[in-house]
Amino acid sequence: MNDDWYMLAEEERLFCDVLARLCADRIAPKAAETDETSAFVRAQLTQLGEVGMMGANLPEEYDGSGISAPALLRAVAIVAGACGSTASALTAHYLATDSILIGGTDAQKRAWLPRAAAGQALGAFALTEPTAGSDPADMKTRARRQADGWHLKGTKCFISNGGVADFLIVYAVTDPEKAHHGISAFILPKGTAGLDAGPPERTMGLKGGHVFTLNIDCQLPEAALLGEEGRGFRTAMQVLDNGRIEVAAQCLGMAEAAMQVACEYAKDRVIGGKALTDRQGIRWMIADMGVAYRQALLLAQDAARQRDAAHHSGGRFSLAASMAKLAASEAAGRIADTALQLHGGYGFTRDFPVERINRDLRIMRIYEGSSEIQRNIISGQMLA
């Protein structure tokens, strides 16, 4: 889709143009092989680091790209349209670096963010637990203060990048009596004694963006505490506001890719002497895909603009982020399914990308807050 829809500054257009060429030339050609082999997308992330995409969510102060939220929305969509696995690992990295940017001390930001922006340190965001997915306040991981620091113990699950990251942001309860006000966050560097990652989960889609179960039993220095004690839950919720817009971006990118291949297939496919696009029913299916895409795009752009405004005002944009995530994930699922239907039996084969896109998109209605959780958030704010 035309970048005019994102109302980008000229330098942001150039950034997205360079990124689009990289994705078309070097990342998209590997997407099918990545899906077949389930190989982690390390090389693709390195390539993104070369053009500044690993720090696109960060300000220039920490060697980030310093682009606007609408530009980041478009950039993530470009990556996702080329390879969903790569976009998944990239945005998981953003969750970790956003945690430091929002909740960390100045020293922590300067120690980690420039390296992360350069692609030299990959991050992971460890919030979800087996019994605390949709309700992080019910987490069981504990961090207990000791004379020389902290003892961190617990289990995290479905942690993207968890077993391959150079650092993890781990959320844990430091004061069980204070509910969500008693949750803090910690920085765990790779190789910390007592941090054990199992093998990657065998997932339905996004097979090159690995997710892990983490068993944690670590002694940590005082400096491992991210920012202030007791502010972890607030940091996590602010990070997830950002992350939900980035999920919307992934959905837009994959939906756009599905629409494009479906339209080209329908124009080329001839049955009974007529192209599929000469049939009214097919044209209506294409029109419905376009409308669904545009609706989701406009909600995501609105959320991105609110994200920028909140950065300056200190406000929140949770309602807009939840609406964008819900609308984009559900619209993308319908669009990809329609694109597969337009391919007929060929859409059910791995020879065409719509099969992979359908699998890659399915998790978008679950992670970073399921569709049901988003509806709870939206209705709660509407009724407040």
Protein backbone atom coordinates (compact mmCIF):
# COMPACT_ATOMS: atom_id res chain seq x y z
CA MET A 1 0.00 0.00 0.00
CA ASN A 2 1.06 3.59 -0.59
CA ASP A 3 3.17 5.08 2.20
CA ASP A 4 1.11 8.28 1.76
CA TRP A 5 -1.45 6.54 3.94
CA TYR A 6 1.00 6.82 6.83
CA MET A 7 1.74 10.54 6.33
CA LEU A 8 5.47 10.09 6.81
CA ALA A 9 8.20 12.70 6.79
CA GLU A 10 10.60 12.53 3.86
CA GLU A 11 13.42 10.96 5.87
CA GLU A 12 10.97 8.37 7.18
CA ARG A 13 9.91 7.53 3.63
CA LEU A 14 13.54 7.01 2.73
CA PHE A 15 14.00 4.77 5.77
CA CYS A 16 11.02 2.67 4.73
CA ASP A 17 12.19 2.56 1.10
CA VAL A 18 15.59 1.19 2.13
CA LEU A 19 13.92 -1.29 4.46
CA ALA A 20 11.47 -2.41 1.76
CA ARG A 21 14.33 -3.10 -0.68
CA LEU A 22 16.22 -5.10 1.94
CA CYS A 23 13.12 -7.12 2.80
CA ALA A 24 12.29 -7.81 -0.85
CA ASP A 25 15.84 -8.78 -1.80
CA ARG A 26 17.14 -10.61 1.27
CA ILE A 27 14.41 -11.48 3.76
CA ALA A 28 11.31 -12.45 1.76
CA PRO A 29 13.24 -15.02 -0.35
CA LYS A 30 14.14 -16.89 2.87
CA ALA A 31 10.62 -16.95 4.36
CA ALA A 32 9.47 -20.30 2.96
CA GLU A 33 12.76 -22.01 3.81
CA THR A 34 12.61 -20.59 7.34
CA ASP A 35 9.12 -22.00 7.73
CA GLU A 36 10.20 -25.42 6.45
CA THR A 37 13.36 -25.70 8.56
CA SER A 38 12.20 -23.80 11.67
CA ALA A 39 15.64 -22.15 11.76
CA PHE A 40 15.82 -19.08 14.00
CA VAL A 41 15.92 -15.80 12.06
CA ARG A 42 19.28 -14.64 13.43
CA ALA A 43 20.70 -13.71 10.01
CA GLN A 44 17.58 -11.71 9.13
CA LEU A 45 17.79 -9.76 12.38
CA THR A 46 21.44 -8.98 11.67
CA GLN A 47 20.42 -7.60 8.28
CA LEU A 48 17.73 -5.47 9.90
CA GLY A 49 20.33 -4.14 12.32
CA GLU A 50 22.41 -2.95 9.37
CA VAL A 51 19.65 -0.55 8.28
CA GLY A 52 18.69 0.65 11.79
CA MET A 53 15.55 -1.43 12.23
CA MET A 54 16.65 -3.11 15.48
CA GLY A 55 16.50 0.31 17.14
CA ALA A 56 13.60 1.79 15.20
CA ASN A 57 11.55 2.02 18.41
CA LEU A 58 14.26 3.96 20.24
CA PRO A 59 15.18 7.66 20.28
CA GLU A 60 18.38 8.94 18.71
CA GLU A 61 19.72 9.63 22.21
CA TYR A 62 20.35 5.88 22.54
CA ASP A 63 21.44 5.38 18.92
CA GLY A 64 17.93 4.49 17.81
CA SER A 65 16.36 5.54 14.53
CA GLY A 66 14.18 8.16 16.20
CA ILE A 67 11.29 7.69 13.76
CA SER A 68 7.68 8.49 14.57
CA ALA A 69 5.18 5.87 15.70
CA PRO A 70 3.31 5.95 12.34
CA ALA A 71 6.64 5.34 10.58
CA LEU A 72 7.40 2.46 12.96
CA LEU A 73 3.94 1.05 12.19
CA ARG A 74 4.74 1.06 8.49
CA ALA A 75 8.26 -0.30 8.98
CA VAL A 76 7.11 -3.27 11.06
CA ALA A 77 4.39 -3.97 8.47
CA ILE A 78 7.04 -4.06 5.74
CA VAL A 79 9.08 -6.64 7.66
CA ALA A 80 6.01 -8.74 8.46
CA GLY A 81 4.91 -8.72 4.83
CA ALA A 82 8.26 -10.24 3.93
CA CYS A 83 8.56 -12.75 6.79
CA GLY A 84 6.25 -13.11 9.77
CA SER A 85 8.87 -14.98 11.80
CA THR A 86 11.37 -12.15 11.43
CA ALA A 87 8.80 -9.55 12.45
CA SER A 88 7.83 -11.61 15.49
CA ALA A 89 11.41 -11.87 16.75
CA LEU A 90 11.99 -8.17 15.99
CA THR A 91 8.96 -6.94 17.92
CA ALA A 92 9.77 -9.24 20.86
CA HIS A 93 13.13 -7.45 20.94
CA TYR A 94 11.23 -4.14 21.03
CA LEU A 95 9.28 -5.29 24.10
CA ALA A 96 12.57 -5.80 25.92
CA THR A 97 14.15 -2.52 24.86
CA ASP A 98 10.93 -0.60 25.53
CA SER A 99 11.00 -2.05 29.06
CA ILE A 100 14.43 -0.53 29.63
CA LEU A 101 13.50 2.74 27.92
CA ILE A 102 10.33 3.15 30.02
CA GLY A 103 11.39 1.65 33.34
CA GLY A 104 15.18 1.65 33.48
CA THR A 105 17.69 3.97 35.06
CA ASP A 106 19.84 6.22 32.91
CA ALA A 107 22.81 3.91 33.49
CA GLN A 108 20.79 0.87 32.39
CA LYS A 109 19.59 2.64 29.28
CA ARG A 110 23.11 3.62 28.28
CA ALA A 111 24.47 0.16 29.04
CA TRP A 112 21.95 -1.77 26.95
CA LEU A 113 20.02 0.33 24.45
CA PRO A 114 22.81 1.43 22.05
CA ARG A 115 23.98 -2.19 21.72
CA ALA A 116 20.40 -3.36 21.20
CA ALA A 117 19.79 -0.66 18.58
CA ALA A 118 22.90 -1.74 16.67
CA GLY A 119 21.73 -5.34 16.62
CA GLN A 120 24.58 -6.41 18.91
CA ALA A 121 22.32 -7.48 21.78
CA LEU A 122 19.00 -9.25 21.21
CA GLY A 123 16.34 -8.84 23.87
CA ALA A 124 13.46 -10.92 25.25
CA PHE A 125 10.45 -9.91 27.36
CA ALA A 126 9.63 -12.51 30.03
CA LEU A 127 6.20 -11.76 31.48
CA THR A 128 3.90 -14.72 30.70
CA GLU A 129 3.68 -17.72 33.02
CA PRO A 130 1.77 -21.01 32.87
CA THR A 131 -0.88 -19.64 35.26
CA ALA A 132 -0.45 -15.92 34.52
CA GLY A 133 -0.95 -15.19 30.85
CA SER A 134 -3.94 -12.90 30.46
CA ASP A 135 -3.60 -11.76 34.09
CA PRO A 136 0.06 -10.89 34.75
CA ALA A 137 -0.78 -9.77 38.29
CA ASP A 138 -1.26 -13.45 39.18
CA MET A 139 2.36 -14.33 38.42
CA LYS A 140 4.17 -16.81 40.66
CA THR A 141 7.79 -15.89 39.89
CA ARG A 142 9.35 -14.38 43.02
CA ALA A 143 12.32 -12.12 43.62
CA ARG A 144 13.51 -11.97 47.21
CA ARG A 145 15.95 -9.37 48.43
CA GLN A 146 19.16 -10.67 49.96
CA ALA A 147 22.18 -9.02 51.50
CA ASP A 148 24.07 -8.98 48.20
CA GLY A 149 21.18 -8.54 45.77
CA TRP A 150 18.22 -10.69 44.75
CA HIS A 151 17.21 -14.33 44.42
CA LEU A 152 14.92 -14.79 41.43
CA LYS A 153 12.96 -18.02 41.06
CA GLY A 154 10.09 -19.10 38.81
CA THR A 155 8.96 -20.30 35.40
CA LYS A 156 8.06 -18.28 32.32
CA CYS A 157 6.45 -19.67 29.17
CA PHE A 158 5.94 -18.69 25.52
CA ILE A 159 8.82 -16.22 25.72
CA SER A 160 9.81 -15.09 22.23
CA ASN A 161 13.62 -15.02 21.78
CA GLY A 162 13.92 -16.38 25.34
CA GLY A 163 16.53 -19.06 24.68
CA VAL A 164 18.56 -17.09 22.14
CA ALA A 165 18.49 -13.57 23.59
CA ASP A 166 21.52 -11.72 24.88
CA PHE A 167 19.42 -10.23 27.69
CA LEU A 168 15.99 -10.80 29.16
CA ILE A 169 13.65 -8.51 31.04
CA VAL A 170 12.04 -10.74 33.65
CA TYR A 171 9.02 -9.64 35.67
CA ALA A 172 8.63 -11.02 39.20
CA VAL A 173 6.76 -10.43 42.44
CA THR A 174 8.88 -8.64 45.04
CA ASP A 175 6.07 -7.95 47.54
CA PRO A 176 3.11 -10.38 47.45
CA GLU A 177 1.12 -8.16 49.84
CA LYS A 178 0.90 -5.31 47.31
CA ALA A 179 -0.71 -7.17 44.36
CA HIS A 180 0.31 -5.54 41.07
CA HIS A 181 2.11 -2.77 42.99
CA GLY A 182 4.46 -5.46 44.27
CA ILE A 183 5.76 -6.51 40.84
CA SER A 184 9.27 -5.50 39.71
CA ALA A 185 11.41 -6.15 36.66
CA PHE A 186 14.98 -7.43 36.35
CA ILE A 187 17.65 -7.52 33.63
CA LEU A 188 19.13 -10.98 33.13
CA PRO A 189 22.14 -11.13 30.80
CA LYS A 190 22.69 -14.24 28.71
CA GLY A 191 24.65 -16.87 30.59
CA THR A 192 23.36 -15.93 34.03
CA ALA A 193 23.78 -18.98 36.28
CA GLY A 194 20.45 -20.65 36.98
CA LEU A 195 18.73 -19.45 33.80
CA ASP A 196 17.65 -22.50 31.82
CA ALA A 197 15.75 -22.41 28.53
CA GLY A 198 14.14 -25.54 27.19
CA PRO A 199 13.97 -26.32 23.47
CA PRO A 200 11.86 -24.03 21.27
CA GLU A 201 8.16 -24.79 21.27
CA ARG A 202 6.86 -26.64 18.19
CA THR A 203 4.50 -23.96 16.96
CA MET A 204 1.84 -23.88 14.24
CA GLY A 205 3.32 -20.79 12.59
CA LEU A 206 6.08 -18.20 12.97
CA LYS A 207 8.43 -21.16 13.06
CA GLY A 208 11.57 -19.06 12.72
CA GLY A 209 10.60 -16.79 15.64
CA HIS A 210 11.30 -19.14 18.51
CA VAL A 211 9.41 -19.17 21.80
CA PHE A 212 10.66 -20.87 24.95
CA THR A 213 9.83 -22.00 28.45
CA LEU A 214 12.32 -20.54 30.92
CA ASN A 215 13.16 -22.03 34.30
CA ILE A 216 14.79 -19.43 36.53
CA ASP A 217 16.69 -19.89 39.78
CA CYS A 218 19.22 -17.05 39.80
CA GLN A 219 21.27 -14.95 42.18
CA LEU A 220 21.33 -11.38 40.90
CA PRO A 221 23.20 -8.24 41.94
CA GLU A 222 21.29 -5.20 43.14
CA ALA A 223 21.97 -3.51 39.79
CA ALA A 224 19.83 -6.14 38.02
CA LEU A 225 16.66 -4.47 39.35
CA LEU A 226 15.16 -2.51 36.45
CA GLY A 227 14.56 1.01 37.71
CA GLU A 228 12.58 1.14 40.94
CA GLU A 229 11.16 -1.73 42.97
CA GLY A 230 7.41 -2.11 42.59
CA ARG A 231 7.11 -0.36 39.22
CA GLY A 232 7.33 -3.47 37.07
CA PHE A 233 3.61 -3.90 36.43
CA ARG A 234 3.23 -0.30 35.34
CA THR A 235 6.22 -0.66 33.02
CA ALA A 236 4.86 -3.87 31.54
CA MET A 237 1.45 -2.34 30.82
CA GLN A 238 3.02 0.66 29.08
CA VAL A 239 5.24 -1.67 27.06
CA LEU A 240 2.21 -3.73 26.03
CA ASP A 241 0.43 -0.60 24.80
CA ASN A 242 3.33 -0.15 22.39
CA GLY A 243 3.46 -3.86 21.61
CA ARG A 244 -0.21 -4.08 20.69
CA ILE A 245 0.27 -1.46 18.00
CA GLU A 246 3.23 -3.47 16.73
CA VAL A 247 1.05 -6.59 16.62
CA ALA A 248 -1.40 -4.56 14.54
CA ALA A 249 1.49 -3.61 12.26
CA GLN A 250 2.46 -7.27 11.80
CA CYS A 251 -1.14 -8.09 10.95
CA LEU A 252 -1.33 -5.26 8.43
CA GLY A 253 1.88 -6.38 6.75
CA MET A 254 0.83 -10.01 6.41
CA ALA A 255 -2.72 -9.08 5.37
CA GLU A 256 -1.34 -6.76 2.70
CA ALA A 257 0.93 -9.52 1.41
CA ALA A 258 -1.98 -11.98 1.30
CA MET A 259 -4.17 -9.50 -0.58
CA GLN A 260 -1.47 -8.78 -3.13
CA VAL A 261 -0.80 -12.41 -4.00
CA ALA A 262 -4.54 -13.17 -4.07
CA CYS A 263 -5.26 -10.31 -6.47
CA GLU A 264 -2.43 -11.33 -8.77
CA TYR A 265 -3.54 -14.96 -8.70
CA ALA A 266 -7.16 -14.02 -9.42
CA LYS A 267 -6.10 -11.90 -12.41
CA ASP A 268 -3.95 -14.69 -13.85
CA ARG A 269 -6.20 -17.66 -13.07
CA VAL A 270 -8.51 -18.55 -16.00
CA ILE A 271 -11.40 -20.99 -15.57
CA GLY A 272 -13.92 -21.65 -18.33
CA GLY A 273 -12.25 -19.05 -20.51
CA LYS A 274 -12.69 -16.25 -17.96
CA ALA A 275 -10.29 -14.79 -15.42
CA LEU A 276 -11.43 -15.10 -11.81
CA THR A 277 -11.56 -11.33 -11.61
CA ASP A 278 -14.26 -11.28 -14.31
CA ARG A 279 -16.63 -12.98 -11.87
CA GLN A 280 -18.70 -10.73 -9.63
CA GLY A 281 -18.49 -13.00 -6.59
CA ILE A 282 -14.69 -12.91 -6.71
CA ARG A 283 -14.65 -9.14 -7.10
CA TRP A 284 -16.84 -8.79 -4.02
CA MET A 285 -14.44 -10.96 -2.02
CA ILE A 286 -11.57 -8.70 -3.09
CA ALA A 287 -13.58 -5.59 -2.17
CA ASP A 288 -14.33 -6.99 1.30
CA MET A 289 -10.61 -7.66 1.86
CA GLY A 290 -9.79 -4.08 0.92
CA VAL A 291 -12.42 -2.60 3.23
CA ALA A 292 -11.35 -4.77 6.16
CA TYR A 293 -7.71 -3.81 5.60
CA ARG A 294 -8.46 -0.10 5.41
CA GLN A 295 -10.57 -0.14 8.57
CA ALA A 296 -7.79 -1.86 10.51
CA LEU A 297 -5.17 0.47 9.04
CA LEU A 298 -7.03 3.60 10.12
CA LEU A 299 -7.42 2.33 13.69
CA ALA A 300 -3.74 1.40 13.81
CA GLN A 301 -2.67 4.79 12.46
CA ASP A 302 -4.84 6.55 15.03
CA ALA A 303 -3.25 4.47 17.80
CA ALA A 304 0.23 5.28 16.47
CA ARG A 305 -0.51 9.00 16.48
CA GLN A 306 -1.81 8.72 20.04
CA ARG A 307 1.38 6.89 20.98
CA ASP A 308 3.44 9.83 19.75
CA ALA A 309 1.19 12.31 21.55
CA ALA A 310 1.43 10.32 24.79
CA HIS A 311 5.22 10.35 24.55
CA HIS A 312 5.11 14.15 24.82
CA SER A 313 2.21 14.45 27.29
CA GLY A 314 2.93 11.48 29.53
CA GLY A 315 -0.58 10.13 28.94
CA ARG A 316 -1.75 6.66 27.97
CA PHE A 317 -3.25 5.25 24.76
CA SER A 318 -4.42 1.87 26.00
CA LEU A 319 -7.89 2.09 24.46
CA ALA A 320 -6.57 2.97 21.01
CA ALA A 321 -3.89 0.27 21.20
CA SER A 322 -6.39 -2.41 22.19
CA MET A 323 -8.81 -1.37 19.45
CA ALA A 324 -6.03 -1.45 16.86
CA LYS A 325 -4.76 -4.84 17.99
CA LEU A 326 -8.23 -6.38 18.09
CA ALA A 327 -9.35 -4.95 14.75
CA ALA A 328 -6.13 -5.71 12.88
CA SER A 329 -5.69 -9.26 14.15
CA GLU A 330 -9.26 -10.26 13.40
CA ALA A 331 -9.35 -8.46 10.04
CA ALA A 332 -6.05 -10.01 8.98
CA GLY A 333 -7.36 -13.47 9.82
CA ARG A 334 -10.39 -12.92 7.58
CA ILE A 335 -8.29 -11.41 4.80
CA ALA A 336 -5.78 -14.25 4.79
CA ASP A 337 -8.55 -16.85 4.85
CA THR A 338 -10.27 -15.15 1.90
CA ALA A 339 -6.95 -15.00 0.04
CA LEU A 340 -6.51 -18.74 0.58
CA GLN A 341 -10.09 -19.37 -0.61
CA LEU A 342 -9.40 -17.41 -3.81
CA HIS A 343 -6.51 -19.76 -4.54
CA GLY A 344 -8.80 -22.78 -4.32
CA GLY A 345 -7.00 -26.06 -3.64
CA TYR A 346 -3.64 -24.46 -4.40
CA GLY A 347 -4.06 -22.21 -1.38
CA PHE A 348 -3.97 -25.29 0.84
CA THR A 349 -0.53 -26.26 -0.43
CA ARG A 350 2.85 -25.02 0.76
CA ASP A 351 3.71 -23.99 -2.78
CA PHE A 352 1.81 -20.73 -2.27
CA PRO A 353 2.57 -18.20 0.50
CA VAL A 354 -1.04 -17.77 1.66
CA GLU A 355 -0.87 -21.13 3.45
CA ARG A 356 2.08 -19.95 5.56
CA ILE A 357 0.56 -16.50 6.13
CA ASN A 358 -2.63 -18.07 7.50
CA ARG A 359 -0.62 -20.09 10.02
CA ASP A 360 1.61 -17.19 10.95
CA LEU A 361 -1.37 -14.93 11.59
CA ARG A 362 -3.29 -17.26 13.87
CA ILE A 363 -1.30 -16.39 17.00
CA MET A 364 -2.03 -12.67 16.56
CA ARG A 365 -5.48 -13.14 18.11
CA ILE A 366 -3.86 -14.72 21.18
CA TYR A 367 -0.55 -13.17 22.18
CA GLU A 368 0.00 -9.79 23.84
CA GLY A 369 -3.57 -10.06 25.08
CA SER A 370 -6.11 -12.28 23.34
CA SER A 371 -9.08 -10.85 21.45
CA GLU A 372 -11.20 -11.58 24.49
CA ILE A 373 -8.86 -9.63 26.77
CA GLN A 374 -8.85 -6.71 24.33
CA ARG A 375 -12.64 -6.66 24.43
CA ASN A 376 -12.49 -6.55 28.23
CA ILE A 377 -10.04 -3.64 28.12
CA ILE A 378 -12.09 -1.74 25.54
CA SER A 379 -15.44 -2.25 27.28
CA GLY A 380 -13.90 -1.45 30.67
CA GLN A 381 -12.66 1.91 29.43
CA MET A 382 -15.92 2.66 27.63
CA LEU A 383 -17.92 1.95 30.79
CA ALA A 384 -15.58 3.75 33.18
